[in-house]
Protein backbone atom coordinates (compact mmCIF):
# COMPACT_ATOMS: atom_id res chain seq x y z
CA MET A 1 -13.87 7.83 -9.39
CA GLY A 2 -10.72 6.11 -10.59
CA ASP A 3 -8.97 9.44 -11.11
CA ARG A 4 -9.98 10.57 -7.58
CA LEU A 5 -8.66 7.36 -6.01
CA GLU A 6 -5.38 7.77 -7.90
CA LEU A 7 -5.10 11.31 -6.62
CA LEU A 8 -5.73 10.16 -3.07
CA VAL A 9 -2.95 7.58 -3.43
CA VAL A 10 -0.52 10.22 -4.69
CA ARG A 11 -1.42 12.68 -1.91
CA ALA A 12 -1.13 9.92 0.72
CA ALA A 13 2.31 8.92 -0.59
CA LEU A 14 3.53 12.51 -0.57
CA ALA A 15 2.25 12.97 2.96
CA VAL A 16 3.53 9.70 4.44
CA PHE A 17 6.93 9.66 2.75
CA GLY A 18 7.29 13.40 3.32
CA ALA A 19 6.84 12.85 7.07
CA LEU A 20 9.53 10.14 7.27
CA PRO A 21 13.24 11.08 7.58
CA ARG A 22 14.76 11.89 4.20
CA ARG A 23 17.49 9.25 4.46
CA TRP A 24 14.91 6.53 5.16
CA VAL A 25 12.67 7.51 2.27
CA PHE A 26 15.67 7.73 -0.06
CA GLN A 27 16.62 4.13 0.68
CA LEU A 28 13.00 3.03 0.52
CA GLY A 29 12.76 4.63 -2.93
CA ALA A 30 15.67 2.52 -4.16
CA TRP A 31 13.97 -0.63 -2.80
CA ILE A 32 10.71 0.32 -4.52
CA GLY A 33 12.69 0.72 -7.72
CA ASP A 34 14.03 -2.82 -7.25
CA LEU A 35 10.50 -4.17 -6.80
CA PHE A 36 9.35 -2.34 -9.92
CA TYR A 37 12.20 -3.90 -11.90
CA LEU A 38 11.55 -7.41 -10.58
CA LEU A 39 7.75 -7.47 -10.78
CA ASP A 40 6.90 -5.39 -13.89
CA ARG A 41 7.71 -7.90 -16.61
CA ARG A 42 6.13 -5.84 -19.43
CA ASP A 43 8.11 -2.69 -18.78
CA ARG A 44 11.26 -4.69 -18.07
CA HIS A 45 10.95 -6.20 -21.53
CA ILE A 46 10.61 -2.68 -23.06
CA GLY A 47 13.69 -1.47 -21.24
CA LEU A 48 15.82 -4.44 -22.31
CA VAL A 49 14.72 -3.94 -25.95
CA ASN A 50 15.73 -0.29 -25.73
CA LEU A 51 19.09 -1.10 -24.14
CA GLY A 52 19.70 -3.68 -26.87
CA ILE A 53 19.19 -0.94 -29.48
CA ALA A 54 21.39 1.59 -27.65
CA PHE A 55 24.17 -0.72 -26.53
CA PRO A 56 24.30 -3.79 -28.80
CA ASP A 57 27.91 -4.42 -27.79
CA ARG A 58 27.00 -4.99 -24.15
CA SER A 59 25.92 -8.33 -22.71
CA PRO A 60 22.36 -9.17 -21.56
CA ALA A 61 23.69 -9.18 -17.97
CA GLU A 62 24.99 -5.63 -18.44
CA HIS A 63 21.63 -4.57 -19.90
CA ARG A 64 19.80 -6.01 -16.88
CA ALA A 65 22.17 -4.25 -14.48
CA LEU A 66 21.65 -0.90 -16.21
CA LEU A 67 17.89 -1.30 -16.28
CA ARG A 68 17.84 -2.13 -12.60
CA ALA A 69 19.99 0.93 -11.85
CA SER A 70 17.56 3.03 -13.91
CA ALA A 71 14.60 1.70 -11.85
CA ARG A 72 16.45 2.50 -8.59
CA ASN A 73 17.13 6.03 -9.82
CA LEU A 74 13.42 6.43 -10.59
CA GLY A 75 12.54 5.28 -7.09
CA ARG A 76 15.02 7.65 -5.50
CA THR A 77 13.65 10.47 -7.63
CA ALA A 78 10.11 9.81 -6.37
CA ALA A 79 11.42 9.77 -2.77
CA GLU A 80 13.17 13.11 -3.21
CA ILE A 81 10.03 14.71 -4.70
CA CYS A 82 8.21 13.82 -1.47
CA HIS A 83 10.67 16.06 0.40
CA PHE A 84 10.51 19.10 -1.94
CA GLY A 85 8.63 20.95 0.78
CA GLU A 86 11.82 21.06 2.91
CA LEU A 87 13.80 22.79 0.22
CA SER A 88 14.55 26.53 0.15
CA ALA A 89 17.02 28.79 -1.56
CA GLY A 90 19.50 27.89 1.16
CA THR A 91 18.90 24.18 1.67
CA VAL A 92 18.68 23.22 -2.01
CA ARG A 93 22.40 24.03 -2.26
CA ASP A 94 23.05 21.09 0.10
CA TYR A 95 21.88 18.75 -2.68
CA VAL A 96 22.42 20.65 -5.95
CA THR A 97 25.64 22.14 -7.27
CA VAL A 98 26.57 23.61 -10.64
CA ASP A 99 29.13 21.68 -12.67
CA ASP A 100 30.44 24.72 -14.56
CA PRO A 101 29.36 27.96 -12.84
CA THR A 102 30.83 30.13 -15.62
CA LEU A 103 28.85 28.42 -18.37
CA TRP A 104 25.73 28.35 -16.20
CA GLN A 105 26.00 32.09 -15.55
CA ALA A 106 26.51 32.77 -19.25
CA THR A 107 23.30 30.88 -19.94
CA LEU A 108 21.41 32.98 -17.40
CA ASP A 109 22.91 36.18 -18.83
CA ALA A 110 21.82 35.16 -22.34
CA ALA A 111 18.32 34.46 -21.04
CA ALA A 112 18.14 37.96 -19.51
CA GLN A 113 18.93 39.47 -22.94
CA ARG A 114 16.76 37.42 -25.29
CA GLY A 115 15.35 34.38 -23.54
CA THR A 116 16.70 30.88 -23.67
CA LEU A 117 15.46 27.47 -24.73
CA ILE A 118 16.64 24.72 -22.38
CA LEU A 119 16.92 21.33 -24.05
CA THR A 120 16.39 18.68 -21.40
CA GLY A 121 14.68 15.36 -20.72
CA HIS A 122 13.57 12.85 -18.16
CA PHE A 123 17.10 12.36 -16.89
CA GLY A 124 18.42 12.04 -13.35
CA ASN A 125 15.96 13.75 -11.00
CA PHE A 126 14.29 15.70 -13.80
CA GLU A 127 11.71 17.29 -11.47
CA LEU A 128 14.42 18.66 -9.19
CA LEU A 129 16.12 20.42 -12.13
CA ALA A 130 13.35 22.97 -12.63
CA TYR A 131 12.53 23.12 -8.91
CA ALA A 132 16.11 23.93 -7.96
CA HIS A 133 16.40 26.62 -10.66
CA GLY A 134 13.28 28.28 -9.29
CA LEU A 135 14.54 28.24 -5.70
CA LEU A 136 17.87 29.67 -6.87
CA GLY A 137 16.04 32.65 -8.32
CA HIS A 138 15.74 31.56 -11.94
CA PRO A 139 12.21 30.16 -12.42
CA ILE A 140 11.55 28.09 -15.50
CA THR A 141 8.64 27.85 -17.88
CA LEU A 142 8.17 24.17 -18.58
CA VAL A 143 6.56 22.69 -21.70
CA HIS A 144 4.99 19.46 -20.54
CA ARG A 145 2.67 16.72 -21.70
CA PRO A 146 -0.35 16.62 -19.36
CA MET A 147 -0.99 13.29 -17.68
CA ASN A 148 -4.10 11.29 -18.52
CA ASN A 149 -5.41 11.87 -15.00
CA ALA A 150 -6.12 15.59 -14.91
CA LEU A 151 -6.41 15.62 -11.11
CA VAL A 152 -2.96 14.13 -10.61
CA ASP A 153 -1.59 16.37 -13.33
CA LYS A 154 -2.84 19.44 -11.49
CA ALA A 155 -1.37 18.20 -8.18
CA ILE A 156 2.04 17.85 -9.82
CA THR A 157 1.69 21.25 -11.51
CA ASP A 158 0.81 22.82 -8.19
CA LEU A 159 3.90 21.24 -6.64
CA ARG A 160 6.12 22.67 -9.38
CA GLU A 161 4.56 26.13 -8.92
CA ARG A 162 5.90 26.26 -5.35
CA ALA A 163 9.31 27.00 -6.86
CA GLY A 164 7.89 29.36 -9.51
CA THR A 165 7.74 26.91 -12.37
CA VAL A 166 5.12 27.78 -14.97
CA SER A 167 3.71 24.79 -16.88
CA LEU A 168 2.61 25.06 -20.49
CA PRO A 169 0.54 22.20 -21.90
CA LYS A 170 2.43 20.87 -24.87
CA LYS A 171 -0.36 21.04 -27.51
CA SER A 172 -0.97 24.74 -26.92
CA ALA A 173 2.51 25.78 -25.90
CA ALA A 174 3.96 27.35 -29.08
CA LYS A 175 2.44 30.85 -28.87
CA ALA A 176 2.76 31.05 -25.12
CA ALA A 177 6.42 29.94 -25.34
CA LEU A 178 7.18 32.61 -27.93
CA ARG A 179 5.60 35.29 -25.72
CA ALA A 180 7.67 34.02 -22.76
CA LEU A 181 10.88 34.19 -24.86
CA ARG A 182 10.01 37.79 -25.79
CA ARG A 183 9.75 38.46 -22.05
CA ARG A 184 13.28 37.00 -21.74
CA GLN A 185 12.27 33.92 -19.83
CA ILE A 186 13.80 30.43 -19.67
CA ILE A 187 11.77 27.81 -21.50
CA ALA A 188 12.56 24.18 -20.75
CA ILE A 189 11.46 21.53 -23.24
CA PRO A 190 11.85 17.81 -22.43
CA ALA A 191 12.54 16.37 -25.87
CA ASP A 192 13.34 12.73 -25.11
CA GLN A 193 9.94 11.08 -25.47
CA ASN A 194 8.31 9.30 -28.42
CA GLN A 195 5.94 11.42 -30.53
CA THR A 196 3.09 10.34 -32.72
CA ARG A 197 3.68 10.68 -36.47
CA ARG A 198 1.46 13.80 -36.41
CA TYR A 199 3.60 15.70 -33.91
CA GLY A 200 7.09 14.33 -34.43
CA VAL A 201 9.83 14.23 -37.00
CA PHE A 202 12.21 11.31 -37.46
CA ALA A 203 15.75 11.90 -36.32
CA ASP A 204 18.30 9.22 -35.59
CA LEU A 205 18.95 8.15 -32.02
CA PHE A 206 21.51 5.40 -31.56
CA GLY A 207 21.41 4.88 -35.32
CA LEU A 208 17.66 4.25 -35.46
CA PRO A 209 15.03 6.81 -36.54
CA ALA A 210 13.14 8.05 -33.52
CA SER A 211 10.02 10.20 -33.73
CA THR A 212 11.11 13.32 -31.88
CA THR A 213 9.47 16.61 -30.95
CA PRO A 214 10.63 19.43 -33.26
CA GLY A 215 9.61 21.97 -30.65
CA PRO A 216 13.09 23.24 -29.66
CA ALA A 217 14.12 23.56 -33.30
CA ARG A 218 10.97 25.41 -34.39
CA LEU A 219 11.00 27.80 -31.45
CA ALA A 220 14.70 28.55 -31.93
CA MET A 221 14.22 29.21 -35.66
CA LEU A 222 11.26 31.49 -34.97
CA SER A 223 12.71 33.40 -32.04
CA GLY A 224 16.45 33.31 -32.51
CA ALA A 225 16.79 32.17 -28.93
CA PRO A 226 19.76 29.83 -28.19
CA VAL A 227 19.15 26.17 -27.48
CA VAL A 228 21.18 25.17 -24.40
CA PRO A 229 21.24 21.57 -23.15
CA VAL A 230 20.85 21.37 -19.38
CA PHE A 231 20.62 18.16 -17.31
CA LEU A 232 20.64 17.28 -13.65
CA VAL A 233 23.11 14.46 -13.05
CA ARG A 234 22.92 12.33 -9.93
CA GLU A 235 26.26 11.62 -8.24
CA GLY A 236 26.37 7.81 -8.16
CA ASP A 237 23.70 6.38 -5.83
CA SER A 238 23.66 9.45 -3.59
CA ASP A 239 21.22 12.33 -3.12
CA GLN A 240 23.77 14.77 -4.55
CA HIS A 241 23.22 16.30 -7.98
CA ARG A 242 25.06 18.47 -10.51
CA ILE A 243 23.49 20.91 -12.91
CA VAL A 244 25.36 20.16 -16.16
CA VAL A 245 25.22 22.83 -18.81
CA LEU A 246 26.48 21.85 -22.28
CA PRO A 247 27.49 24.09 -25.19
CA THR A 248 24.72 25.71 -27.23
CA VAL A 249 23.26 23.53 -30.01
CA GLU A 250 23.98 25.38 -33.23
CA MET A 251 20.89 25.71 -35.39
CA VAL A 252 21.13 25.60 -39.17
CA LYS A 253 18.85 27.95 -41.15
CA THR A 254 18.57 27.72 -44.91
CA ALA A 255 15.84 28.26 -47.49
CA ASP A 256 14.50 24.74 -46.82
CA ARG A 257 12.66 25.20 -43.54
CA ASP A 258 11.34 21.62 -43.30
CA ALA A 259 14.80 20.15 -43.86
CA ASP A 260 16.23 22.54 -41.30
CA ILE A 261 13.74 21.40 -38.65
CA VAL A 262 14.76 17.77 -39.19
CA GLU A 263 18.44 18.58 -39.14
CA ASN A 264 18.23 20.74 -36.03
CA THR A 265 16.17 18.06 -34.27
CA ARG A 266 18.84 15.53 -35.20
CA ARG A 267 21.43 17.79 -33.57
CA CYS A 268 19.37 17.81 -30.38
CA ASN A 269 19.20 14.04 -30.47
CA VAL A 270 23.02 13.93 -30.75
CA VAL A 271 23.21 15.67 -27.39
CA PHE A 272 20.82 13.20 -25.78
CA GLU A 273 22.71 10.28 -27.15
CA GLU A 274 25.95 11.59 -25.75
CA MET A 275 24.38 12.04 -22.28
CA LEU A 276 22.82 8.57 -22.35
CA ARG A 277 26.15 7.04 -23.27
CA ARG A 278 27.81 8.84 -20.35
CA TYR A 279 25.11 8.19 -17.76
CA PRO A 280 22.87 5.37 -19.06
CA GLU A 281 21.52 4.48 -15.60
CA GLN A 282 19.92 7.92 -15.24
CA TRP A 283 17.34 7.74 -18.04
CA ILE A 284 13.93 6.02 -18.04
CA TRP A 285 14.60 3.11 -20.37
CA PHE A 286 11.09 1.76 -19.71
CA HIS A 287 9.71 4.35 -22.14
CA LYS A 288 8.81 3.17 -25.65
CA ARG A 289 11.19 5.61 -27.31
CA TRP A 290 11.06 3.99 -30.74
CA LYS A 291 7.33 3.20 -30.69
CA THR A 292 6.37 5.35 -33.73
CA ARG A 293 7.99 3.94 -36.82
CA PRO A 294 8.50 5.33 -40.33
CA ILE A 295 5.84 4.08 -42.74
CA GLY A 296 6.67 0.52 -43.80
CA GLU A 297 8.98 -0.30 -40.91
CA PRO A 298 7.97 -3.09 -38.48
CA ARG A 299 6.98 -2.50 -34.89
CA ILE A 300 9.72 -2.76 -32.28
CA TYR A 301 7.66 -3.44 -29.15
């Protein structure tokens, strides 16, 4: 019953906010983000701890300002999702541009030859990244962690499918992802969330070991597909976004496979850290990124 009620709330929000003018909902989303920041003391504490780890040289006031900006970005993202139904191949270009068209086209060309692994995360409007690619004629296969509420998870998956996005549940994604790469598809893997000790490997992030998914490294080593970092960057506080494509992450491959997985995962984390330093307000700092600790290390949260 609880899951059904939660689904009704999600559907009602999508319907109500989707019916309001986009500019109103966009501003409302920012205000909701402000409320979330002010009222959710537990998650605010988590975010401030994370920012203290990432930016120890910044003041507490700067940490609070960054966290509030992160919450406002999250609210704006939710507002924009409510208006996905208005987007088409033509109208999406009013909101999404490509930062480096040449590099973007080279990535698409590589995918057409041998498939491509997109390294990405919950950054900017992360849902719009895959949705826009699909509308622009380049649908993405997304490896995702299903939500606890299966009904809400299906509703979100159905929304993604409107733009051609195929969702692969994380725990059973490896074989399906390899098949998709053999079919020369684009596989997107969000690799910025904490993993349990069973599923993650420890790789430094801001100088502290972070349990990270080795998925991109393992798939790249098995398939030979390139790992290309791609993020959607919001322009300031606006509803304008840029698809930012970064140089391919070079994968090392030696006789020590386990060591290679750790090293290649570390290289992926280097990319994330660089993006978070450049655009810290666009990531979800409320996430317990350093929750899983190496054996013997104290808890952080």
